[in-house]
Amino acid sequence: MTHDEVQKIMQMLAAAYPNFYKDKTAEAKTLALDIWAVALSDFPFGFIMAGIKKLVQTKTFPPT
């Protein structure tokens, strides 16, 4: 998965769980994006998107 794809996923999560992300600084968001980009680099975008879809459909709060 590319850095841009991870960014799209994080934007979706921020839209789905706005209260979790509202107080994060720009620096914290960038750091989280960079960490997740490395952690998810070996996974296909479609696989992660399927997981995000299920997460948003079934969970009121984001994972920690």
PDB file of N, CA and C in Angstrom:
ATOM      1  N   MET A   1       0.850  -1.164   0.000  1.00  0.00           N
ATOM      2  CA  MET A   1       0.000   0.000   0.000  1.00  0.00           C
ATOM      3  C   MET A   1       0.899   1.231   0.000  1.00  0.00           C
ATOM      4  N   THR A   2       0.487   2.240  -0.719  1.00  0.00           N
ATOM      5  CA  THR A   2       1.279   3.460  -0.825  1.00  0.00           C
ATOM      6  C   THR A   2       0.939   4.432   0.307  1.00  0.00           C
ATOM      7  N   HIS A   3       1.803   5.405   0.476  1.00  0.00           N
ATOM      8  CA  HIS A   3       1.596   6.459   1.475  1.00  0.00           C
ATOM      9  C   HIS A   3       0.285   7.198   1.188  1.00  0.00           C
ATOM     10  N   ASP A   4       0.016   7.482  -0.078  1.00  0.00           N
ATOM     11  CA  ASP A   4      -1.220   8.188  -0.449  1.00  0.00           C
ATOM     12  C   ASP A   4      -2.458   7.355  -0.128  1.00  0.00           C
ATOM     13  N   GLU A   5      -2.386   6.048  -0.319  1.00  0.00           N
ATOM     14  CA  GLU A   5      -3.517   5.176   0.000  1.00  0.00           C
ATOM     15  C   GLU A   5      -3.784   5.150   1.506  1.00  0.00           C
ATOM     16  N   VAL A   6      -2.715   5.116   2.288  1.00  0.00           N
ATOM     17  CA  VAL A   6      -2.874   5.162   3.747  1.00  0.00           C
ATOM     18  C   VAL A   6      -3.489   6.496   4.157  1.00  0.00           C
ATOM     19  N   GLN A   7      -3.078   7.561   3.503  1.00  0.00           N
ATOM     20  CA  GLN A   7      -3.657   8.873   3.800  1.00  0.00           C
ATOM     21  C   GLN A   7      -5.160   8.875   3.523  1.00  0.00           C
ATOM     22  N   LYS A   8      -5.581   8.275   2.428  1.00  0.00           N
ATOM     23  CA  LYS A   8      -7.010   8.187   2.115  1.00  0.00           C
ATOM     24  C   LYS A   8      -7.756   7.411   3.195  1.00  0.00           C
ATOM     25  N   ILE A   9      -7.171   6.321   3.653  1.00  0.00           N
ATOM     26  CA  ILE A   9      -7.792   5.522   4.704  1.00  0.00           C
ATOM     27  C   ILE A   9      -7.916   6.328   5.992  1.00  0.00           C
ATOM     28  N   MET A  10      -6.869   7.040   6.348  1.00  0.00           N
ATOM     29  CA  MET A  10      -6.918   7.834   7.578  1.00  0.00           C
ATOM     30  C   MET A  10      -7.928   8.970   7.469  1.00  0.00           C
ATOM     31  N   GLN A  11      -8.080   9.537   6.282  1.00  0.00           N
ATOM     32  CA  GLN A  11      -9.099  10.564   6.080  1.00  0.00           C
ATOM     33  C   GLN A  11     -10.498   9.974   6.247  1.00  0.00           C
ATOM     34  N   MET A  12     -10.690   8.767   5.774  1.00  0.00           N
ATOM     35  CA  MET A  12     -11.977   8.098   5.944  1.00  0.00           C
ATOM     36  C   MET A  12     -12.255   7.833   7.423  1.00  0.00           C
ATOM     37  N   LEU A  13     -11.250   7.368   8.143  1.00  0.00           N
ATOM     38  CA  LEU A  13     -11.422   7.115   9.571  1.00  0.00           C
ATOM     39  C   LEU A  13     -11.710   8.407  10.334  1.00  0.00           C
ATOM     40  N   ALA A  14     -11.051   9.486   9.947  1.00  0.00           N
ATOM     41  CA  ALA A  14     -11.299  10.776  10.592  1.00  0.00           C
ATOM     42  C   ALA A  14     -12.721  11.255  10.322  1.00  0.00           C
ATOM     43  N   ALA A  15     -13.230  10.982   9.138  1.00  0.00           N
ATOM     44  CA  ALA A  15     -14.613  11.362   8.822  1.00  0.00           C
ATOM     45  C   ALA A  15     -15.608  10.479   9.579  1.00  0.00           C
ATOM     46  N   ALA A  16     -15.273   9.203   9.731  1.00  0.00           N
ATOM     47  CA  ALA A  16     -16.172   8.266  10.415  1.00  0.00           C
ATOM     48  C   ALA A  16     -16.142   8.460  11.931  1.00  0.00           C
ATOM     49  N   TYR A  17     -15.002   8.860  12.466  1.00  0.00           N
ATOM     50  CA  TYR A  17     -14.826   9.027  13.909  1.00  0.00           C
ATOM     51  C   TYR A  17     -14.254  10.415  14.216  1.00  0.00           C
ATOM     52  N   PRO A  18     -14.982  11.483  13.917  1.00  0.00           N
ATOM     53  CA  PRO A  18     -14.436  12.837  14.031  1.00  0.00           C
ATOM     54  C   PRO A  18     -14.019  13.237  15.443  1.00  0.00           C
ATOM     55  N   ASN A  19     -14.699  12.770  16.446  1.00  0.00           N
ATOM     56  CA  ASN A  19     -14.341  13.155  17.813  1.00  0.00           C
ATOM     57  C   ASN A  19     -12.987  12.607  18.238  1.00  0.00           C
ATOM     58  N   PHE A  20     -12.612  11.459  17.711  1.00  0.00           N
ATOM     59  CA  PHE A  20     -11.321  10.876  18.053  1.00  0.00           C
ATOM     60  C   PHE A  20     -10.166  11.709  17.496  1.00  0.00           C
ATOM     61  N   TYR A  21     -10.360  12.297  16.335  1.00  0.00           N
ATOM     62  CA  TYR A  21      -9.275  12.996  15.646  1.00  0.00           C
ATOM     63  C   TYR A  21      -9.298  14.513  15.798  1.00  0.00           C
ATOM     64  N   LYS A  22     -10.340  15.060  16.404  1.00  0.00           N
ATOM     65  CA  LYS A  22     -10.508  16.517  16.388  1.00  0.00           C
ATOM     66  C   LYS A  22      -9.425  17.294  17.123  1.00  0.00           C
ATOM     67  N   ASP A  23      -8.852  16.760  18.182  1.00  0.00           N
ATOM     68  CA  ASP A  23      -7.864  17.495  18.967  1.00  0.00           C
ATOM     69  C   ASP A  23      -6.418  17.152  18.612  1.00  0.00           C
ATOM     70  N   LYS A  24      -6.223  16.387  17.562  1.00  0.00           N
ATOM     71  CA  LYS A  24      -4.869  16.008  17.155  1.00  0.00           C
ATOM     72  C   LYS A  24      -4.207  17.168  16.413  1.00  0.00           C
ATOM     73  N   THR A  25      -2.944  17.408  16.734  1.00  0.00           N
ATOM     74  CA  THR A  25      -2.192  18.447  16.033  1.00  0.00           C
ATOM     75  C   THR A  25      -1.806  17.950  14.643  1.00  0.00           C
ATOM     76  N   ALA A  26      -1.427  18.878  13.792  1.00  0.00           N
ATOM     77  CA  ALA A  26      -0.978  18.507  12.451  1.00  0.00           C
ATOM     78  C   ALA A  26       0.253  17.606  12.544  1.00  0.00           C
ATOM     79  N   GLU A  27       1.117  17.889  13.481  1.00  0.00           N
ATOM     80  CA  GLU A  27       2.320  17.077  13.659  1.00  0.00           C
ATOM     81  C   GLU A  27       1.953  15.653  14.092  1.00  0.00           C
ATOM     82  N   ALA A  28       1.015  15.510  14.987  1.00  0.00           N
ATOM     83  CA  ALA A  28       0.587  14.182  15.444  1.00  0.00           C
ATOM     84  C   ALA A  28      -0.073  13.407  14.305  1.00  0.00           C
ATOM     85  N   LYS A  29      -0.858  14.087  13.480  1.00  0.00           N
ATOM     86  CA  LYS A  29      -1.506  13.429  12.343  1.00  0.00           C
ATOM     87  C   LYS A  29      -0.472  12.960  11.327  1.00  0.00           C
ATOM     88  N   THR A  30       0.526  13.780  11.068  1.00  0.00           N
ATOM     89  CA  THR A  30       1.587  13.414  10.125  1.00  0.00           C
ATOM     90  C   THR A  30       2.389  12.235  10.646  1.00  0.00           C
ATOM     91  N   LEU A  31       2.711  12.251  11.923  1.00  0.00           N
ATOM     92  CA  LEU A  31       3.458  11.147  12.523  1.00  0.00           C
ATOM     93  C   LEU A  31       2.655   9.850  12.454  1.00  0.00           C
ATOM     94  N   ALA A  32       1.374   9.920  12.777  1.00  0.00           N
ATOM     95  CA  ALA A  32       0.516   8.733  12.701  1.00  0.00           C
ATOM     96  C   ALA A  32       0.452   8.212  11.267  1.00  0.00           C
ATOM     97  N   LEU A  33       0.308   9.101  10.308  1.00  0.00           N
ATOM     98  CA  LEU A  33       0.270   8.707   8.904  1.00  0.00           C
ATOM     99  C   LEU A  33       1.551   7.989   8.514  1.00  0.00           C
ATOM    100  N   ASP A  34       2.680   8.520   8.901  1.00  0.00           N
ATOM    101  CA  ASP A  34       3.963   7.905   8.563  1.00  0.00           C
ATOM    102  C   ASP A  34       4.116   6.529   9.211  1.00  0.00           C
ATOM    103  N   ILE A  35       3.692   6.407  10.459  1.00  0.00           N
ATOM    104  CA  ILE A  35       3.781   5.123  11.164  1.00  0.00           C
ATOM    105  C   ILE A  35       2.898   4.083  10.482  1.00  0.00           C
ATOM    106  N   TRP A  36       1.645   4.466  10.188  1.00  0.00           N
ATOM    107  CA  TRP A  36       0.719   3.518   9.563  1.00  0.00           C
ATOM    108  C   TRP A  36       1.138   3.174   8.146  1.00  0.00           C
ATOM    109  N   ALA A  37       1.749   4.109   7.443  1.00  0.00           N
ATOM    110  CA  ALA A  37       2.221   3.824   6.081  1.00  0.00           C
ATOM    111  C   ALA A  37       3.277   2.732   6.105  1.00  0.00           C
ATOM    112  N   VAL A  38       4.152   2.764   7.078  1.00  0.00           N
ATOM    113  CA  VAL A  38       5.175   1.717   7.208  1.00  0.00           C
ATOM    114  C   VAL A  38       4.517   0.398   7.632  1.00  0.00           C
ATOM    115  N   ALA A  39       3.624   0.468   8.623  1.00  0.00           N
ATOM    116  CA  ALA A  39       2.997  -0.743   9.157  1.00  0.00           C
ATOM    117  C   ALA A  39       2.123  -1.462   8.127  1.00  0.00           C
ATOM    118  N   LEU A  40       1.500  -0.706   7.234  1.00  0.00           N
ATOM    119  CA  LEU A  40       0.566  -1.293   6.274  1.00  0.00           C
ATOM    120  C   LEU A  40       1.162  -1.484   4.876  1.00  0.00           C
ATOM    121  N   SER A  41       2.421  -1.214   4.722  1.00  0.00           N
ATOM    122  CA  SER A  41       3.033  -1.223   3.388  1.00  0.00           C
ATOM    123  C   SER A  41       2.965  -2.580   2.688  1.00  0.00           C
ATOM    124  N   ASP A  42       2.880  -3.659   3.438  1.00  0.00           N
ATOM    125  CA  ASP A  42       2.859  -4.996   2.826  1.00  0.00           C
ATOM    126  C   ASP A  42       1.452  -5.488   2.479  1.00  0.00           C
ATOM    127  N   PHE A  43       0.436  -4.704   2.785  1.00  0.00           N
ATOM    128  CA  PHE A  43      -0.937  -5.134   2.560  1.00  0.00           C
ATOM    129  C   PHE A  43      -1.538  -4.447   1.341  1.00  0.00           C
ATOM    130  N   PRO A  44      -2.369  -5.155   0.579  1.00  0.00           N
ATOM    131  CA  PRO A  44      -3.043  -4.518  -0.554  1.00  0.00           C
ATOM    132  C   PRO A  44      -4.118  -3.535  -0.074  1.00  0.00           C
ATOM    133  N   PHE A  45      -4.284  -2.470  -0.818  1.00  0.00           N
ATOM    134  CA  PHE A  45      -5.246  -1.423  -0.480  1.00  0.00           C
ATOM    135  C   PHE A  45      -6.658  -1.993  -0.322  1.00  0.00           C
ATOM    136  N   GLY A  46      -7.084  -2.848  -1.233  1.00  0.00           N
ATOM    137  CA  GLY A  46      -8.434  -3.418  -1.176  1.00  0.00           C
ATOM    138  C   GLY A  46      -8.676  -4.224   0.090  1.00  0.00           C
ATOM    139  N   PHE A  47      -7.665  -4.940   0.548  1.00  0.00           N
ATOM    140  CA  PHE A  47      -7.775  -5.728   1.773  1.00  0.00           C
ATOM    141  C   PHE A  47      -8.023  -4.824   2.971  1.00  0.00           C
ATOM    142  N   ILE A  48      -7.273  -3.749   3.070  1.00  0.00           N
ATOM    143  CA  ILE A  48      -7.430  -2.807   4.184  1.00  0.00           C
ATOM    144  C   ILE A  48      -8.766  -2.082   4.078  1.00  0.00           C
ATOM    145  N   MET A  49      -9.169  -1.717   2.872  1.00  0.00           N
ATOM    146  CA  MET A  49     -10.460  -1.048   2.692  1.00  0.00           C
ATOM    147  C   MET A  49     -11.617  -1.941   3.153  1.00  0.00           C
ATOM    148  N   ALA A  50     -11.535  -3.229   2.889  1.00  0.00           N
ATOM    149  CA  ALA A  50     -12.574  -4.152   3.344  1.00  0.00           C
ATOM    150  C   ALA A  50     -12.634  -4.166   4.868  1.00  0.00           C
ATOM    151  N   GLY A  51     -11.488  -4.141   5.511  1.00  0.00           N
ATOM    152  CA  GLY A  51     -11.449  -4.094   6.973  1.00  0.00           C
ATOM    153  C   GLY A  51     -12.002  -2.800   7.523  1.00  0.00           C
ATOM    154  N   ILE A  52     -11.686  -1.687   6.868  1.00  0.00           N
ATOM    155  CA  ILE A  52     -12.201  -0.383   7.300  1.00  0.00           C
ATOM    156  C   ILE A  52     -13.714  -0.353   7.154  1.00  0.00           C
ATOM    157  N   LYS A  53     -14.224  -0.885   6.070  1.00  0.00           N
ATOM    158  CA  LYS A  53     -15.670  -0.918   5.852  1.00  0.00           C
ATOM    159  C   LYS A  53     -16.366  -1.684   6.970  1.00  0.00           C
ATOM    160  N   LYS A  54     -15.820  -2.841   7.309  1.00  0.00           N
ATOM    161  CA  LYS A  54     -16.412  -3.647   8.378  1.00  0.00           C
ATOM    162  C   LYS A  54     -16.300  -2.927   9.725  1.00  0.00           C
ATOM    163  N   LEU A  55     -15.176  -2.305   9.969  1.00  0.00           N
ATOM    164  CA  LEU A  55     -14.971  -1.570  11.213  1.00  0.00           C
ATOM    165  C   LEU A  55     -16.013  -0.470  11.378  1.00  0.00           C
ATOM    166  N   VAL A  56     -16.171   0.338  10.342  1.00  0.00           N
ATOM    167  CA  VAL A  56     -17.109   1.465  10.405  1.00  0.00           C
ATOM    168  C   VAL A  56     -18.551   0.977  10.552  1.00  0.00           C
ATOM    169  N   GLN A  57     -18.871  -0.156   9.950  1.00  0.00           N
ATOM    170  CA  GLN A  57     -20.227  -0.697  10.044  1.00  0.00           C
ATOM    171  C   GLN A  57     -20.539  -1.285  11.416  1.00  0.00           C
ATOM    172  N   THR A  58     -19.529  -1.732  12.140  1.00  0.00           N
ATOM    173  CA  THR A  58     -19.781  -2.474  13.372  1.00  0.00           C
ATOM    174  C   THR A  58     -19.306  -1.801  14.660  1.00  0.00           C
ATOM    175  N   LYS A  59     -18.470  -0.812  14.575  1.00  0.00           N
ATOM    176  CA  LYS A  59     -17.898  -0.203  15.776  1.00  0.00           C
ATOM    177  C   LYS A  59     -18.238   1.276  15.891  1.00  0.00           C
ATOM    178  N   THR A  60     -18.704   1.651  17.062  1.00  0.00           N
ATOM    179  CA  THR A  60     -19.032   3.054  17.330  1.00  0.00           C
ATOM    180  C   THR A  60     -17.774   3.893  17.569  1.00  0.00           C
ATOM    181  N   PHE A  61     -16.753   3.264  18.117  1.00  0.00           N
ATOM    182  CA  PHE A  61     -15.511   3.963  18.446  1.00  0.00           C
ATOM    183  C   PHE A  61     -14.355   3.391  17.638  1.00  0.00           C
ATOM    184  N   PRO A  62     -13.373   4.206  17.307  1.00  0.00           N
ATOM    185  CA  PRO A  62     -12.236   3.716  16.528  1.00  0.00           C
ATOM    186  C   PRO A  62     -11.334   2.821  17.377  1.00  0.00           C
ATOM    187  N   PRO A  63     -10.568   1.949  16.741  1.00  0.00           N
ATOM    188  CA  PRO A  63      -9.624   1.140  17.504  1.00  0.00           C
ATOM    189  C   PRO A  63      -8.508   2.016  18.052  1.00  0.00           C
ATOM    190  N   THR A  64      -7.930   1.605  19.142  1.00  0.00           N
ATOM    191  CA  THR A  64      -6.822   2.372  19.719  1.00  0.00           C
ATOM    192  C   THR A  64      -5.496   1.702  19.435  1.00  0.00           C
TER     193      THR A  64
END
